[in-house]
Amino acid sequence: MVKVEILLFATLRRYHPRGEGEGSQAFTLQLESNTNLSQIYAVLGIPGEEVKMNFVNNRHQSPDYQVQAGDKIALFPPIAGG
């Protein structure tokens, strides 16, 4: 088992396990040691198409990145604007 820290941004905050009001707060997940980022989406109930970017320890990673103990993961949706 590994523990990771998760931070959800913008519209993904509604998937925070403690509710949308806590969405801006980081939280910890304990996962199987062979878990990848796309599996974290499933654990949180986030449809994969809602995640545009994954950052792990401040570095962009693909959804198949296998998490390591202590990773700090930030998930971002597609963002429009000008």
PDB file of N, CA and C in Angstrom:
ATOM      1  N   MET A   1       0.841  -1.178   0.000  1.00  0.00           N
ATOM      2  CA  MET A   1       0.000   0.000   0.000  1.00  0.00           C
ATOM      3  C   MET A   1       0.893   1.251   0.000  1.00  0.00           C
ATOM      4  N   VAL A   2       0.423   2.281  -0.707  1.00  0.00           N
ATOM      5  CA  VAL A   2       1.119   3.560  -0.739  1.00  0.00           C
ATOM      6  C   VAL A   2       0.134   4.672  -0.402  1.00  0.00           C
ATOM      7  N   LYS A   3       0.642   5.720   0.222  1.00  0.00           N
ATOM      8  CA  LYS A   3      -0.171   6.903   0.502  1.00  0.00           C
ATOM      9  C   LYS A   3       0.275   8.017  -0.421  1.00  0.00           C
ATOM     10  N   VAL A   4      -0.718   8.689  -1.034  1.00  0.00           N
ATOM     11  CA  VAL A   4      -0.443   9.818  -1.912  1.00  0.00           C
ATOM     12  C   VAL A   4      -1.331  10.980  -1.496  1.00  0.00           C
ATOM     13  N   GLU A   5      -0.919  12.175  -1.847  1.00  0.00           N
ATOM     14  CA  GLU A   5      -1.706  13.379  -1.582  1.00  0.00           C
ATOM     15  C   GLU A   5      -2.324  13.839  -2.896  1.00  0.00           C
ATOM     16  N   ILE A   6      -3.610  14.159  -2.860  1.00  0.00           N
ATOM     17  CA  ILE A   6      -4.353  14.551  -4.064  1.00  0.00           C
ATOM     18  C   ILE A   6      -4.878  15.969  -3.900  1.00  0.00           C
ATOM     19  N   LEU A   7      -4.778  16.745  -4.965  1.00  0.00           N
ATOM     20  CA  LEU A   7      -5.380  18.076  -5.015  1.00  0.00           C
ATOM     21  C   LEU A   7      -6.156  18.181  -6.324  1.00  0.00           C
ATOM     22  N   LEU A   8      -7.430  18.538  -6.209  1.00  0.00           N
ATOM     23  CA  LEU A   8      -8.311  18.656  -7.369  1.00  0.00           C
ATOM     24  C   LEU A   8      -8.545  20.129  -7.677  1.00  0.00           C
ATOM     25  N   PHE A   9      -8.553  20.482  -8.964  1.00  0.00           N
ATOM     26  CA  PHE A   9      -8.723  21.871  -9.366  1.00  0.00           C
ATOM     27  C   PHE A   9     -10.006  22.074 -10.160  1.00  0.00           C
ATOM     28  N   ALA A  10     -10.521  23.310 -10.069  1.00  0.00           N
ATOM     29  CA  ALA A  10     -11.674  23.786 -10.848  1.00  0.00           C
ATOM     30  C   ALA A  10     -12.850  22.821 -10.721  1.00  0.00           C
ATOM     31  N   THR A  11     -13.409  22.387 -11.842  1.00  0.00           N
ATOM     32  CA  THR A  11     -14.621  21.566 -11.810  1.00  0.00           C
ATOM     33  C   THR A  11     -14.391  20.182 -11.214  1.00  0.00           C
ATOM     34  N   LEU A  12     -13.139  19.746 -11.104  1.00  0.00           N
ATOM     35  CA  LEU A  12     -12.873  18.436 -10.504  1.00  0.00           C
ATOM     36  C   LEU A  12     -13.064  18.460  -8.986  1.00  0.00           C
ATOM     37  N   ARG A  13     -13.152  19.628  -8.404  1.00  0.00           N
ATOM     38  CA  ARG A  13     -13.337  19.722  -6.951  1.00  0.00           C
ATOM     39  C   ARG A  13     -14.607  19.030  -6.470  1.00  0.00           C
ATOM     40  N   ARG A  14     -15.579  18.901  -7.339  1.00  0.00           N
ATOM     41  CA  ARG A  14     -16.830  18.251  -6.923  1.00  0.00           C
ATOM     42  C   ARG A  14     -16.628  16.768  -6.608  1.00  0.00           C
ATOM     43  N   TYR A  15     -15.483  16.202  -6.998  1.00  0.00           N
ATOM     44  CA  TYR A  15     -15.192  14.789  -6.715  1.00  0.00           C
ATOM     45  C   TYR A  15     -14.409  14.597  -5.410  1.00  0.00           C
ATOM     46  N   HIS A  16     -14.212  15.651  -4.667  1.00  0.00           N
ATOM     47  CA  HIS A  16     -13.507  15.542  -3.382  1.00  0.00           C
ATOM     48  C   HIS A  16     -14.282  14.589  -2.482  1.00  0.00           C
ATOM     49  N   PRO A  17     -13.621  13.628  -1.839  1.00  0.00           N
ATOM     50  CA  PRO A  17     -14.333  12.636  -1.027  1.00  0.00           C
ATOM     51  C   PRO A  17     -15.147  13.226   0.130  1.00  0.00           C
ATOM     52  N   ARG A  18     -14.761  14.381   0.619  1.00  0.00           N
ATOM     53  CA  ARG A  18     -15.499  14.998   1.726  1.00  0.00           C
ATOM     54  C   ARG A  18     -16.530  16.011   1.253  1.00  0.00           C
ATOM     55  N   GLY A  19     -16.717  16.101  -0.043  1.00  0.00           N
ATOM     56  CA  GLY A  19     -17.717  17.011  -0.583  1.00  0.00           C
ATOM     57  C   GLY A  19     -17.089  18.222  -1.251  1.00  0.00           C
ATOM     58  N   GLU A  20     -17.899  18.874  -2.070  1.00  0.00           N
ATOM     59  CA  GLU A  20     -17.412  19.991  -2.882  1.00  0.00           C
ATOM     60  C   GLU A  20     -16.903  21.146  -2.041  1.00  0.00           C
ATOM     61  N   GLY A  21     -17.472  21.360  -0.870  1.00  0.00           N
ATOM     62  CA  GLY A  21     -17.029  22.446  -0.001  1.00  0.00           C
ATOM     63  C   GLY A  21     -15.581  22.297   0.440  1.00  0.00           C
ATOM     64  N   GLU A  22     -15.091  21.079   0.408  1.00  0.00           N
ATOM     65  CA  GLU A  22     -13.697  20.796   0.783  1.00  0.00           C
ATOM     66  C   GLU A  22     -12.794  20.706  -0.442  1.00  0.00           C
ATOM     67  N   GLY A  23     -13.351  20.975  -1.619  1.00  0.00           N
ATOM     68  CA  GLY A  23     -12.656  20.736  -2.872  1.00  0.00           C
ATOM     69  C   GLY A  23     -11.309  21.392  -3.033  1.00  0.00           C
ATOM     70  N   SER A  24     -11.079  22.516  -2.363  1.00  0.00           N
ATOM     71  CA  SER A  24      -9.792  23.190  -2.524  1.00  0.00           C
ATOM     72  C   SER A  24      -8.730  22.633  -1.572  1.00  0.00           C
ATOM     73  N   GLN A  25      -9.118  21.674  -0.746  1.00  0.00           N
ATOM     74  CA  GLN A  25      -8.197  21.101   0.226  1.00  0.00           C
ATOM     75  C   GLN A  25      -7.568  19.809  -0.297  1.00  0.00           C
ATOM     76  N   ALA A  26      -6.280  19.657  -0.031  1.00  0.00           N
ATOM     77  CA  ALA A  26      -5.607  18.410  -0.388  1.00  0.00           C
ATOM     78  C   ALA A  26      -6.103  17.302   0.543  1.00  0.00           C
ATOM     79  N   PHE A  27      -6.067  16.074   0.056  1.00  0.00           N
ATOM     80  CA  PHE A  27      -6.446  14.934   0.882  1.00  0.00           C
ATOM     81  C   PHE A  27      -5.532  13.763   0.552  1.00  0.00           C
ATOM     82  N   THR A  28      -5.504  12.804   1.447  1.00  0.00           N
ATOM     83  CA  THR A  28      -4.632  11.646   1.307  1.00  0.00           C
ATOM     84  C   THR A  28      -5.447  10.424   0.915  1.00  0.00           C
ATOM     85  N   LEU A  29      -4.909   9.644   0.007  1.00  0.00           N
ATOM     86  CA  LEU A  29      -5.497   8.356  -0.365  1.00  0.00           C
ATOM     87  C   LEU A  29      -4.479   7.271  -0.094  1.00  0.00           C
ATOM     88  N   GLN A  30      -4.960   6.142   0.370  1.00  0.00           N
ATOM     89  CA  GLN A  30      -4.115   4.962   0.506  1.00  0.00           C
ATOM     90  C   GLN A  30      -4.529   4.000  -0.593  1.00  0.00           C
ATOM     91  N   LEU A  31      -3.563   3.592  -1.411  1.00  0.00           N
ATOM     92  CA  LEU A  31      -3.828   2.818  -2.621  1.00  0.00           C
ATOM     93  C   LEU A  31      -2.936   1.590  -2.694  1.00  0.00           C
ATOM     94  N   GLU A  32      -3.330   0.657  -3.546  1.00  0.00           N
ATOM     95  CA  GLU A  32      -2.463  -0.489  -3.841  1.00  0.00           C
ATOM     96  C   GLU A  32      -1.176   0.030  -4.480  1.00  0.00           C
ATOM     97  N   SER A  33      -0.086  -0.665  -4.277  1.00  0.00           N
ATOM     98  CA  SER A  33       1.210  -0.181  -4.750  1.00  0.00           C
ATOM     99  C   SER A  33       1.346  -0.133  -6.266  1.00  0.00           C
ATOM    100  N   ASN A  34       0.500  -0.818  -7.004  1.00  0.00           N
ATOM    101  CA  ASN A  34       0.617  -0.815  -8.468  1.00  0.00           C
ATOM    102  C   ASN A  34      -0.456   0.057  -9.120  1.00  0.00           C
ATOM    103  N   THR A  35      -0.963   1.054  -8.423  1.00  0.00           N
ATOM    104  CA  THR A  35      -2.025   1.920  -8.936  1.00  0.00           C
ATOM    105  C   THR A  35      -1.461   2.987  -9.865  1.00  0.00           C
ATOM    106  N   ASN A  36      -2.173   3.246 -10.979  1.00  0.00           N
ATOM    107  CA  ASN A  36      -1.767   4.341 -11.858  1.00  0.00           C
ATOM    108  C   ASN A  36      -2.770   5.488 -11.729  1.00  0.00           C
ATOM    109  N   LEU A  37      -2.469   6.605 -12.374  1.00  0.00           N
ATOM    110  CA  LEU A  37      -3.318   7.793 -12.237  1.00  0.00           C
ATOM    111  C   LEU A  37      -4.740   7.553 -12.731  1.00  0.00           C
ATOM    112  N   SER A  38      -4.901   6.854 -13.837  1.00  0.00           N
ATOM    113  CA  SER A  38      -6.259   6.634 -14.339  1.00  0.00           C
ATOM    114  C   SER A  38      -7.079   5.788 -13.372  1.00  0.00           C
ATOM    115  N   GLN A  39      -6.436   4.927 -12.607  1.00  0.00           N
ATOM    116  CA  GLN A  39      -7.152   4.152 -11.597  1.00  0.00           C
ATOM    117  C   GLN A  39      -7.587   5.045 -10.434  1.00  0.00           C
ATOM    118  N   ILE A  40      -6.820   6.091 -10.162  1.00  0.00           N
ATOM    119  CA  ILE A  40      -7.229   7.054  -9.130  1.00  0.00           C
ATOM    120  C   ILE A  40      -8.496   7.772  -9.571  1.00  0.00           C
ATOM    121  N   TYR A  41      -8.597   8.104 -10.873  1.00  0.00           N
ATOM    122  CA  TYR A  41      -9.835   8.730 -11.362  1.00  0.00           C
ATOM    123  C   TYR A  41     -11.024   7.838 -11.005  1.00  0.00           C
ATOM    124  N   ALA A  42     -10.887   6.543 -11.253  1.00  0.00           N
ATOM    125  CA  ALA A  42     -11.985   5.610 -10.981  1.00  0.00           C
ATOM    126  C   ALA A  42     -12.315   5.556  -9.489  1.00  0.00           C
ATOM    127  N   VAL A  43     -11.295   5.528  -8.655  1.00  0.00           N
ATOM    128  CA  VAL A  43     -11.514   5.510  -7.204  1.00  0.00           C
ATOM    129  C   VAL A  43     -12.319   6.728  -6.769  1.00  0.00           C
ATOM    130  N   LEU A  44     -12.040   7.877  -7.385  1.00  0.00           N
ATOM    131  CA  LEU A  44     -12.721   9.119  -7.022  1.00  0.00           C
ATOM    132  C   LEU A  44     -14.027   9.335  -7.791  1.00  0.00           C
ATOM    133  N   GLY A  45     -14.307   8.463  -8.769  1.00  0.00           N
ATOM    134  CA  GLY A  45     -15.524   8.612  -9.561  1.00  0.00           C
ATOM    135  C   GLY A  45     -15.425   9.673 -10.641  1.00  0.00           C
ATOM    136  N   ILE A  46     -14.212  10.004 -11.060  1.00  0.00           N
ATOM    137  CA  ILE A  46     -13.991  11.021 -12.089  1.00  0.00           C
ATOM    138  C   ILE A  46     -13.925  10.352 -13.457  1.00  0.00           C
ATOM    139  N   PRO A  47     -14.818  10.709 -14.388  1.00  0.00           N
ATOM    140  CA  PRO A  47     -14.689  10.177 -15.748  1.00  0.00           C
ATOM    141  C   PRO A  47     -13.348  10.628 -16.355  1.00  0.00           C
ATOM    142  N   GLY A  48     -12.642   9.709 -16.971  1.00  0.00           N
ATOM    143  CA  GLY A  48     -11.318  10.003 -17.512  1.00  0.00           C
ATOM    144  C   GLY A  48     -11.271  11.195 -18.436  1.00  0.00           C
ATOM    145  N   GLU A  49     -12.340  11.411 -19.208  1.00  0.00           N
ATOM    146  CA  GLU A  49     -12.347  12.531 -20.154  1.00  0.00           C
ATOM    147  C   GLU A  49     -12.444  13.883 -19.455  1.00  0.00           C
ATOM    148  N   GLU A  50     -12.733  13.896 -18.152  1.00  0.00           N
ATOM    149  CA  GLU A  50     -12.797  15.157 -17.417  1.00  0.00           C
ATOM    150  C   GLU A  50     -11.433  15.617 -16.912  1.00  0.00           C
ATOM    151  N   VAL A  51     -10.423  14.768 -17.019  1.00  0.00           N
ATOM    152  CA  VAL A  51      -9.075  15.136 -16.570  1.00  0.00           C
ATOM    153  C   VAL A  51      -8.231  15.457 -17.797  1.00  0.00           C
ATOM    154  N   LYS A  52      -7.714  16.680 -17.843  1.00  0.00           N
ATOM    155  CA  LYS A  52      -6.880  17.112 -18.975  1.00  0.00           C
ATOM    156  C   LYS A  52      -5.393  16.976 -18.669  1.00  0.00           C
ATOM    157  N   MET A  53      -5.014  17.343 -17.421  1.00  0.00           N
ATOM    158  CA  MET A  53      -3.593  17.309 -17.052  1.00  0.00           C
ATOM    159  C   MET A  53      -3.411  16.689 -15.674  1.00  0.00           C
ATOM    160  N   ASN A  54      -2.321  15.939 -15.556  1.00  0.00           N
ATOM    161  CA  ASN A  54      -1.906  15.322 -14.296  1.00  0.00           C
ATOM    162  C   ASN A  54      -0.514  15.833 -13.966  1.00  0.00           C
ATOM    163  N   PHE A  55      -0.347  16.327 -12.768  1.00  0.00           N
ATOM    164  CA  PHE A  55       0.986  16.689 -12.312  1.00  0.00           C
ATOM    165  C   PHE A  55       1.301  15.862 -11.073  1.00  0.00           C
ATOM    166  N   VAL A  56       2.472  15.256 -11.068  1.00  0.00           N
ATOM    167  CA  VAL A  56       2.931  14.478  -9.922  1.00  0.00           C
ATOM    168  C   VAL A  56       4.250  15.089  -9.492  1.00  0.00           C
ATOM    169  N   ASN A  57       4.275  15.560  -8.255  1.00  0.00           N
ATOM    170  CA  ASN A  57       5.473  16.221  -7.736  1.00  0.00           C
ATOM    171  C   ASN A  57       5.929  17.338  -8.671  1.00  0.00           C
ATOM    172  N   ASN A  58       4.941  18.109  -9.163  1.00  0.00           N
ATOM    173  CA  ASN A  58       5.155  19.271 -10.032  1.00  0.00           C
ATOM    174  C   ASN A  58       5.680  18.935 -11.428  1.00  0.00           C
ATOM    175  N   ARG A  59       5.519  17.695 -11.852  1.00  0.00           N
ATOM    176  CA  ARG A  59       5.936  17.292 -13.205  1.00  0.00           C
ATOM    177  C   ARG A  59       4.752  16.663 -13.916  1.00  0.00           C
ATOM    178  N   HIS A  60       4.558  17.042 -15.172  1.00  0.00           N
ATOM    179  CA  HIS A  60       3.463  16.488 -15.967  1.00  0.00           C
ATOM    180  C   HIS A  60       3.672  14.986 -16.146  1.00  0.00           C
ATOM    181  N   GLN A  61       2.601  14.214 -15.943  1.00  0.00           N
ATOM    182  CA  GLN A  61       2.670  12.762 -16.109  1.00  0.00           C
ATOM    183  C   GLN A  61       1.465  12.285 -16.917  1.00  0.00           C
ATOM    184  N   SER A  62       1.599  11.146 -17.566  1.00  0.00           N
ATOM    185  CA  SER A  62       0.493  10.552 -18.320  1.00  0.00           C
ATOM    186  C   SER A  62      -0.400   9.755 -17.366  1.00  0.00           C
ATOM    187  N   PRO A  63      -1.629   9.461 -17.793  1.00  0.00           N
ATOM    188  CA  PRO A  63      -2.550   8.707 -16.933  1.00  0.00           C
ATOM    189  C   PRO A  63      -2.054   7.310 -16.551  1.00  0.00           C
ATOM    190  N   ASP A  64      -1.091   6.765 -17.283  1.00  0.00           N
ATOM    191  CA  ASP A  64      -0.591   5.437 -16.925  1.00  0.00           C
ATOM    192  C   ASP A  64       0.593   5.479 -15.947  1.00  0.00           C
ATOM    193  N   TYR A  65       0.934   6.672 -15.467  1.00  0.00           N
ATOM    194  CA  TYR A  65       2.006   6.800 -14.464  1.00  0.00           C
ATOM    195  C   TYR A  65       1.632   5.995 -13.223  1.00  0.00           C
ATOM    196  N   GLN A  66       2.535   5.155 -12.756  1.00  0.00           N
ATOM    197  CA  GLN A  66       2.314   4.359 -11.555  1.00  0.00           C
ATOM    198  C   GLN A  66       2.752   5.163 -10.338  1.00  0.00           C
ATOM    199  N   VAL A  67       1.817   5.384  -9.411  1.00  0.00           N
ATOM    200  CA  VAL A  67       2.100   6.240  -8.265  1.00  0.00           C
ATOM    201  C   VAL A  67       3.081   5.583  -7.302  1.00  0.00           C
ATOM    202  N   GLN A  68       3.816   6.447  -6.610  1.00  0.00           N
ATOM    203  CA  GLN A  68       4.793   6.025  -5.616  1.00  0.00           C
ATOM    204  C   GLN A  68       4.409   6.620  -4.265  1.00  0.00           C
ATOM    205  N   ALA A  69       4.816   5.997  -3.200  1.00  0.00           N
ATOM    206  CA  ALA A  69       4.518   6.502  -1.864  1.00  0.00           C
ATOM    207  C   ALA A  69       5.000   7.943  -1.730  1.00  0.00           C
ATOM    208  N   GLY A  70       4.130   8.793  -1.194  1.00  0.00           N
ATOM    209  CA  GLY A  70       4.491  10.188  -0.965  1.00  0.00           C
ATOM    210  C   GLY A  70       4.263  11.115  -2.142  1.00  0.00           C
ATOM    211  N   ASP A  71       3.822  10.595  -3.282  1.00  0.00           N
ATOM    212  CA  ASP A  71       3.567  11.460  -4.432  1.00  0.00           C
ATOM    213  C   ASP A  71       2.516  12.510  -4.099  1.00  0.00           C
ATOM    214  N   LYS A  72       2.713  13.704  -4.648  1.00  0.00           N
ATOM    215  CA  LYS A  72       1.733  14.785  -4.546  1.00  0.00           C
ATOM    216  C   LYS A  72       1.143  14.968  -5.937  1.00  0.00           C
ATOM    217  N   ILE A  73      -0.139  14.678  -6.061  1.00  0.00           N
ATOM    218  CA  ILE A  73      -0.812  14.608  -7.355  1.00  0.00           C
ATOM    219  C   ILE A  73      -1.819  15.735  -7.493  1.00  0.00           C
ATOM    220  N   ALA A  74      -1.721  16.484  -8.583  1.00  0.00           N
ATOM    221  CA  ALA A  74      -2.671  17.556  -8.895  1.00  0.00           C
ATOM    222  C   ALA A  74      -3.376  17.198 -10.196  1.00  0.00           C
ATOM    223  N   LEU A  75      -4.718  17.232 -10.166  1.00  0.00           N
ATOM    224  CA  LEU A  75      -5.515  16.901 -11.345  1.00  0.00           C
ATOM    225  C   LEU A  75      -6.260  18.132 -11.820  1.00  0.00           C
ATOM    226  N   PHE A  76      -6.181  18.395 -13.140  1.00  0.00           N
ATOM    227  CA  PHE A  76      -6.803  19.575 -13.741  1.00  0.00           C
ATOM    228  C   PHE A  76      -7.764  19.169 -14.861  1.00  0.00           C
ATOM    229  N   PRO A  77      -8.918  19.836 -14.943  1.00  0.00           N
ATOM    230  CA  PRO A  77      -9.818  19.605 -16.076  1.00  0.00           C
ATOM    231  C   PRO A  77      -9.392  20.472 -17.267  1.00  0.00           C
ATOM    232  N   PRO A  78     -10.036  20.268 -18.429  1.00  0.00           N
ATOM    233  CA  PRO A  78      -9.790  21.203 -19.531  1.00  0.00           C
ATOM    234  C   PRO A  78     -10.254  22.583 -19.090  1.00  0.00           C
ATOM    235  N   ILE A  79      -9.489  23.593 -19.401  1.00  0.00           N
ATOM    236  CA  ILE A  79      -9.836  24.955 -18.981  1.00  0.00           C
ATOM    237  C   ILE A  79      -9.882  25.830 -20.220  1.00  0.00           C
ATOM    238  N   ALA A  80     -10.977  26.550 -20.376  1.00  0.00           N
ATOM    239  CA  ALA A  80     -11.130  27.467 -21.499  1.00  0.00           C
ATOM    240  C   ALA A  80     -10.989  28.899 -20.990  1.00  0.00           C
ATOM    241  N   GLY A  81     -10.639  29.770 -21.858  1.00  0.00           N
ATOM    242  CA  GLY A  81     -10.513  31.166 -21.451  1.00  0.00           C
ATOM    243  C   GLY A  81      -9.650  31.927 -22.431  1.00  0.00           C
ATOM    244  N   GLY A  82      -9.475  33.168 -22.115  1.00  0.00           N
ATOM    245  CA  GLY A  82      -8.709  33.980 -23.052  1.00  0.00           C
ATOM    246  C   GLY A  82      -7.757  34.893 -22.407  1.00  0.00           C
TER     247      GLY A  82
END
